[in-house]
Amino acid sequence: MSFTKTCLYFLTTVLMALLALAAGAIAVLASLETGIDLELFDNTTEDLLNYYAIEATPPIEWIYIIWGLVFVFEILWIPYVLTTICRSNEDGRIFSVIPNLPPGLTLLYSVNKVLLVGWFFLFDMGYISYSCLVMFFVTVTGGLCLWISYKRVGEYDNLSYMEGNLMCDLVASRLLVQNGIAMYTTWTFIWTLFNGAIALTYEDATELDDSLTSTIMYAVIILVLTIYFVLDISVFEKYFRYTFTPYLVVAAISLGSLDFNYDFEFDYEIKDTAAQIFEMAALGAGVLLFFCKVIRTCQRVCCCSSS
């Protein structure tokens, strides 16, 4: 790899790491009074979600837990990416031997983080529709990053080389990078729908009932999850085989929307509203499809091993 390409890889990877760190810091400040004290924000995330409450709004603790898991995955996979700059084998630097994370991906993820920071400020200022659009592009850029990773890891020569020489990097790429980006992208997709439901409920042009917008939100989640599962186990199975987190994110947010407490008892009596029925359906779909995915992956791995 030329000196110019090496520098480009180094700079874009470091830039991605710094912007991810900055976005995480902004997310934390947005959730604390500190952000208000520093005059970065006018409200905390909890205040905004209480002000724009809809039936599907989960307790703030659930939102913090899922965001926390997203950032934990980033804390794991982004440092791994940085190690590929420092490590080498007999064929050269790891990032040049297995170019799983090209500058195009790291630059796109950097743009993703800039958009995420912009979303926090737009949502804080009450620009609900604009913030929904920005979150949509956060989801799109995250999905593109994930697809680039799938294509690079799935290339025959690259995959064969990794299986024979860099199995740890193959495992890290599949379990950390791809599951981490998939978790983040699934969460931002759900947040886009949630943001859209808030816009439909509170914007003057629509002012729909919050139960209706919550129902629409979870109907879309169930539909998209079902389509994703079909593609997961068929057309894109060789790429998606080791990606499990989307199902868990759907199950977690559905459980949160049902307002489940930590004593494993419902803290209110379910009234069988349409929104709650769809939330329970999304929870059931997330759990059921996750186990189907695990079984399918085990079958494929066993078949590949025997052949």
Protein backbone atom coordinates (compact mmCIF):
# COMPACT_ATOMS: atom_id res chain seq x y z
CA MET A 1 0.00 0.00 0.00
CA SER A 2 1.33 3.43 -0.95
CA PHE A 3 2.34 6.04 1.59
CA THR A 4 -0.59 8.26 0.53
CA LYS A 5 -3.14 5.48 1.08
CA THR A 6 -1.55 4.64 4.42
CA CYS A 7 -1.83 8.24 5.58
CA LEU A 8 -5.41 8.43 4.34
CA TYR A 9 -6.35 5.28 6.25
CA PHE A 10 -4.64 6.53 9.40
CA LEU A 11 -6.24 9.99 9.27
CA THR A 12 -9.76 8.81 8.48
CA THR A 13 -9.63 6.12 11.17
CA VAL A 14 -8.39 8.52 13.83
CA LEU A 15 -10.97 11.11 12.73
CA MET A 16 -13.73 8.52 13.07
CA ALA A 17 -12.54 7.61 16.58
CA LEU A 18 -12.40 11.27 17.69
CA LEU A 19 -15.85 12.09 16.28
CA ALA A 20 -17.35 8.96 17.87
CA LEU A 21 -15.86 10.07 21.18
CA ALA A 22 -17.22 13.59 20.71
CA ALA A 23 -20.68 12.29 19.81
CA GLY A 24 -20.69 10.10 22.91
CA ALA A 25 -19.73 13.09 25.05
CA ILE A 26 -22.51 15.21 23.51
CA ALA A 27 -25.02 12.42 24.15
CA VAL A 28 -24.00 12.29 27.81
CA LEU A 29 -24.18 16.08 28.18
CA ALA A 30 -27.61 16.11 26.53
CA SER A 31 -28.86 13.72 29.20
CA LEU A 32 -27.47 15.69 32.16
CA GLU A 33 -28.06 19.09 33.69
CA THR A 34 -24.40 19.74 32.92
CA GLY A 35 -25.32 20.33 29.28
CA ILE A 36 -27.70 23.09 30.38
CA ASP A 37 -25.14 24.55 32.78
CA LEU A 38 -22.62 24.74 29.92
CA GLU A 39 -25.32 26.44 27.79
CA LEU A 40 -25.05 23.75 25.14
CA PHE A 41 -28.66 22.67 25.56
CA ASP A 42 -31.86 24.19 26.86
CA ASN A 43 -33.33 20.90 28.07
CA THR A 44 -32.26 17.44 29.08
CA THR A 45 -33.25 14.41 27.02
CA GLU A 46 -35.60 13.30 29.77
CA ASP A 47 -37.35 16.68 29.85
CA LEU A 48 -37.86 16.60 26.09
CA LEU A 49 -39.23 13.06 26.09
CA ASN A 50 -41.62 13.97 28.89
CA TYR A 51 -42.75 17.06 26.97
CA TYR A 52 -43.19 15.11 23.71
CA ALA A 53 -44.55 11.97 25.35
CA ILE A 54 -46.47 9.45 23.27
CA GLU A 55 -47.89 6.09 24.22
CA ALA A 56 -44.85 4.23 22.85
CA THR A 57 -42.36 6.33 24.85
CA PRO A 58 -40.25 3.95 26.96
CA PRO A 59 -38.93 4.93 30.40
CA ILE A 60 -35.81 7.08 30.12
CA GLU A 61 -33.79 4.33 31.83
CA TRP A 62 -34.42 1.98 28.92
CA ILE A 63 -33.30 4.60 26.43
CA TYR A 64 -30.10 5.24 28.39
CA ILE A 65 -29.43 1.50 28.65
CA ILE A 66 -29.75 0.96 24.88
CA TRP A 67 -27.66 4.04 24.04
CA GLY A 68 -25.16 2.78 26.62
CA LEU A 69 -24.92 -0.62 24.92
CA VAL A 70 -24.47 1.08 21.55
CA PHE A 71 -21.55 3.08 22.91
CA VAL A 72 -20.10 0.02 24.67
CA PHE A 73 -19.95 -1.75 21.30
CA GLU A 74 -18.24 1.32 19.82
CA ILE A 75 -15.75 1.32 22.69
CA LEU A 76 -14.95 -2.28 21.71
CA TRP A 77 -14.85 -2.13 17.90
CA ILE A 78 -13.34 1.30 17.24
CA PRO A 79 -10.18 0.58 19.32
CA TYR A 80 -9.95 -2.75 17.47
CA VAL A 81 -9.92 -0.83 14.18
CA LEU A 82 -7.18 1.42 15.55
CA THR A 83 -5.08 -1.65 16.39
CA THR A 84 -5.02 -2.66 12.72
CA ILE A 85 -2.82 0.39 12.12
CA CYS A 86 -0.25 -0.79 14.66
CA ARG A 87 -0.28 -4.56 14.07
CA SER A 88 1.39 -6.41 11.21
CA ASN A 89 2.26 -9.91 10.03
CA GLU A 90 4.63 -11.33 7.41
CA ASP A 91 2.45 -9.87 4.63
CA GLY A 92 2.40 -6.31 5.97
CA ARG A 93 0.25 -4.05 8.11
CA ILE A 94 -3.06 -5.64 9.05
CA PHE A 95 -5.16 -2.79 7.63
CA SER A 96 -3.50 -3.26 4.21
CA VAL A 97 -3.55 -7.06 4.26
CA ILE A 98 -7.29 -7.22 5.09
CA PRO A 99 -8.85 -3.89 4.04
CA ASN A 100 -12.15 -4.53 5.81
CA LEU A 101 -12.58 -0.92 6.89
CA PRO A 102 -11.52 1.27 3.96
CA PRO A 103 -11.34 5.07 4.21
CA GLY A 104 -14.75 5.26 2.55
CA LEU A 105 -16.32 3.46 5.51
CA THR A 106 -14.50 5.43 8.19
CA LEU A 107 -15.30 8.74 6.48
CA LEU A 108 -18.95 7.76 6.14
CA TYR A 109 -19.09 6.81 9.83
CA SER A 110 -17.52 10.18 10.66
CA VAL A 111 -20.30 11.91 8.72
CA ASN A 112 -22.76 9.73 10.61
CA LYS A 113 -21.44 11.02 13.93
CA VAL A 114 -21.62 14.64 12.79
CA LEU A 115 -25.26 14.07 11.83
CA LEU A 116 -25.95 12.46 15.21
CA VAL A 117 -24.55 15.49 17.02
CA GLY A 118 -26.71 17.71 14.81
CA TRP A 119 -29.76 15.67 15.77
CA PHE A 120 -29.22 16.31 19.48
CA PHE A 121 -29.16 20.07 18.93
CA LEU A 122 -32.13 20.11 16.53
CA PHE A 123 -34.24 17.97 18.86
CA ASP A 124 -33.31 20.19 21.79
CA MET A 125 -34.41 23.30 19.86
CA GLY A 126 -37.78 21.74 19.07
CA TYR A 127 -37.25 21.21 15.35
CA ILE A 128 -38.96 17.84 15.46
CA SER A 129 -39.50 17.30 11.74
CA TYR A 130 -35.98 18.40 10.82
CA SER A 131 -34.47 16.25 13.55
CA CYS A 132 -36.44 13.27 12.21
CA LEU A 133 -34.95 13.86 8.76
CA VAL A 134 -31.44 14.09 10.20
CA MET A 135 -31.94 10.86 12.16
CA PHE A 136 -33.10 9.20 8.94
CA PHE A 137 -29.76 10.09 7.34
CA VAL A 138 -27.97 8.81 10.44
CA THR A 139 -29.70 5.47 9.80
CA VAL A 140 -28.88 5.52 6.08
CA THR A 141 -25.19 6.25 6.61
CA GLY A 142 -25.00 3.59 9.32
CA GLY A 143 -26.59 1.06 6.98
CA LEU A 144 -24.13 1.94 4.21
CA CYS A 145 -21.21 1.47 6.60
CA LEU A 146 -22.57 -1.92 7.58
CA TRP A 147 -22.97 -2.98 3.95
CA ILE A 148 -19.41 -1.93 3.11
CA SER A 149 -18.19 -4.05 6.02
CA TYR A 150 -20.26 -7.03 4.86
CA LYS A 151 -18.93 -6.78 1.31
CA ARG A 152 -15.30 -6.39 2.37
CA VAL A 153 -15.35 -9.25 4.87
CA GLY A 154 -17.38 -11.45 2.52
CA GLU A 155 -15.02 -11.15 -0.44
CA TYR A 156 -13.76 -14.65 -1.20
CA ASP A 157 -10.02 -13.98 -1.21
CA ASN A 158 -10.17 -11.79 1.86
CA LEU A 159 -12.34 -14.27 3.77
CA SER A 160 -10.14 -17.25 2.86
CA TYR A 161 -7.03 -15.38 3.96
CA MET A 162 -8.58 -14.35 7.27
CA GLU A 163 -9.83 -17.87 8.00
CA GLY A 164 -6.33 -19.22 7.46
CA ASN A 165 -4.19 -16.49 8.98
CA LEU A 166 -6.19 -13.94 10.96
CA MET A 167 -9.08 -15.76 12.57
CA CYS A 168 -9.16 -13.37 15.53
CA ASP A 169 -9.61 -10.45 13.14
CA LEU A 170 -12.39 -12.30 11.34
CA VAL A 171 -14.19 -12.90 14.63
CA ALA A 172 -13.69 -9.27 15.66
CA SER A 173 -15.01 -8.03 12.32
CA ARG A 174 -18.13 -10.16 12.54
CA LEU A 175 -18.97 -10.03 16.23
CA LEU A 176 -17.73 -6.57 17.20
CA VAL A 177 -17.73 -4.35 14.11
CA GLN A 178 -20.75 -5.73 12.27
CA ASN A 179 -22.88 -6.41 15.35
CA GLY A 180 -21.91 -3.04 16.79
CA ILE A 181 -22.85 -1.08 13.68
CA ALA A 182 -25.99 -3.21 13.22
CA MET A 183 -27.10 -2.48 16.79
CA TYR A 184 -26.48 1.24 16.32
CA THR A 185 -28.24 1.35 12.93
CA THR A 186 -31.25 -0.62 14.20
CA TRP A 187 -31.54 1.72 17.16
CA THR A 188 -31.33 4.85 15.01
CA PHE A 189 -33.92 3.36 12.63
CA ILE A 190 -36.30 2.84 15.55
CA TRP A 191 -35.47 6.32 16.83
CA THR A 192 -36.28 7.74 13.39
CA LEU A 193 -39.73 6.15 13.61
CA PHE A 194 -40.13 7.35 17.19
CA ASN A 195 -39.09 10.86 16.16
CA GLY A 196 -41.55 10.68 13.28
CA ALA A 197 -44.34 9.54 15.61
CA ILE A 198 -43.63 12.55 17.82
CA ALA A 199 -43.75 14.84 14.78
CA LEU A 200 -47.09 13.39 13.66
CA THR A 201 -48.46 13.85 17.17
CA TYR A 202 -47.21 17.34 18.00
CA GLU A 203 -46.75 19.16 14.69
CA ASP A 204 -49.63 21.56 13.95
CA ALA A 205 -50.06 20.22 10.42
CA THR A 206 -50.98 16.72 11.63
CA GLU A 207 -51.75 16.51 15.38
CA LEU A 208 -52.64 12.83 15.25
CA ASP A 209 -53.58 10.87 18.35
CA ASP A 210 -50.47 9.57 20.11
CA SER A 211 -51.93 6.07 20.39
CA LEU A 212 -52.38 6.00 16.61
CA THR A 213 -48.84 7.21 15.88
CA SER A 214 -47.44 4.67 18.36
CA THR A 215 -49.42 1.93 16.64
CA ILE A 216 -48.11 3.01 13.22
CA MET A 217 -44.57 3.09 14.58
CA TYR A 218 -44.69 -0.48 15.87
CA ALA A 219 -46.55 -1.76 12.81
CA VAL A 220 -43.66 -0.46 10.67
CA ILE A 221 -41.11 -2.01 13.05
CA ILE A 222 -42.79 -5.43 12.81
CA LEU A 223 -43.05 -5.19 9.02
CA VAL A 224 -39.42 -4.15 8.54
CA LEU A 225 -38.16 -6.76 11.03
CA THR A 226 -40.07 -9.50 9.20
CA ILE A 227 -38.69 -8.44 5.81
CA TYR A 228 -35.20 -8.19 7.30
CA PHE A 229 -35.47 -11.70 8.76
CA VAL A 230 -36.53 -13.19 5.42
CA LEU A 231 -33.60 -11.51 3.67
CA ASP A 232 -31.31 -12.42 6.58
CA ILE A 233 -31.83 -16.17 6.20
CA SER A 234 -32.04 -16.23 2.42
CA VAL A 235 -30.64 -13.66 -0.03
CA PHE A 236 -28.04 -12.10 2.26
CA GLU A 237 -27.43 -15.06 4.55
CA LYS A 238 -23.71 -15.32 3.80
CA TYR A 239 -23.25 -11.67 4.78
CA PHE A 240 -25.67 -11.45 7.74
CA ARG A 241 -24.90 -14.88 9.21
CA TYR A 242 -23.22 -13.67 12.41
CA THR A 243 -25.26 -10.49 12.99
CA PHE A 244 -27.73 -10.93 15.85
CA THR A 245 -28.17 -7.52 17.49
CA PRO A 246 -31.07 -6.10 15.40
CA TYR A 247 -33.51 -8.61 16.90
CA LEU A 248 -32.34 -7.88 20.42
CA VAL A 249 -32.72 -4.12 19.96
CA VAL A 250 -36.31 -4.53 18.75
CA ALA A 251 -37.12 -6.80 21.69
CA ALA A 252 -35.51 -4.41 24.17
CA ILE A 253 -37.27 -1.26 22.97
CA SER A 254 -40.61 -3.09 22.76
CA LEU A 255 -40.18 -4.26 26.32
CA GLY A 256 -39.38 -0.70 27.35
CA SER A 257 -42.47 0.67 25.60
CA LEU A 258 -44.58 -1.77 27.57
CA ASP A 259 -43.20 -0.09 30.69
CA PHE A 260 -41.82 -3.28 32.19
CA ASN A 261 -40.08 -2.79 35.53
CA TYR A 262 -37.05 -4.51 36.98
CA ASP A 263 -39.09 -6.73 39.32
CA PHE A 264 -40.44 -8.49 36.24
CA GLU A 265 -43.96 -7.32 36.93
CA PHE A 266 -46.02 -4.90 34.90
CA ASP A 267 -46.38 -1.66 36.81
CA TYR A 268 -49.78 -0.97 35.31
CA GLU A 269 -52.71 -2.95 34.02
CA ILE A 270 -52.54 -3.61 30.29
CA LYS A 271 -55.66 -2.21 28.63
CA ASP A 272 -55.15 -3.92 25.29
CA THR A 273 -54.91 -0.72 23.30
CA ALA A 274 -53.85 -1.16 19.68
CA ALA A 275 -50.43 0.33 20.42
CA GLN A 276 -49.82 -2.05 23.30
CA ILE A 277 -50.89 -5.03 21.21
CA PHE A 278 -48.40 -4.06 18.51
CA GLU A 279 -45.71 -3.49 21.14
CA MET A 280 -46.27 -7.00 22.48
CA ALA A 281 -46.26 -8.36 18.94
CA ALA A 282 -42.94 -6.60 18.25
CA LEU A 283 -41.51 -8.01 21.47
CA GLY A 284 -42.63 -11.52 20.55
CA ALA A 285 -41.32 -11.15 17.01
CA GLY A 286 -37.95 -9.88 18.21
CA VAL A 287 -37.48 -12.77 20.63
CA LEU A 288 -38.86 -15.47 18.31
CA LEU A 289 -36.89 -14.35 15.27
CA PHE A 290 -33.73 -14.04 17.35
CA PHE A 291 -33.94 -17.70 18.35
CA CYS A 292 -34.80 -18.70 14.78
CA LYS A 293 -31.75 -16.75 13.65
CA VAL A 294 -29.51 -18.53 16.17
CA ILE A 295 -30.82 -21.94 15.07
CA ARG A 296 -30.38 -21.07 11.40
CA THR A 297 -26.83 -19.84 11.98
CA CYS A 298 -25.93 -23.01 13.89
CA GLN A 299 -27.30 -25.12 11.03
CA ARG A 300 -25.30 -23.22 8.43
CA VAL A 301 -22.11 -23.37 10.47
CA CYS A 302 -22.51 -27.13 10.98
CA CYS A 303 -23.20 -27.67 7.28
CA CYS A 304 -20.13 -25.65 6.29
CA SER A 305 -17.97 -27.53 8.82
CA SER A 306 -19.12 -30.94 7.58
CA SER A 307 -18.52 -30.01 3.95
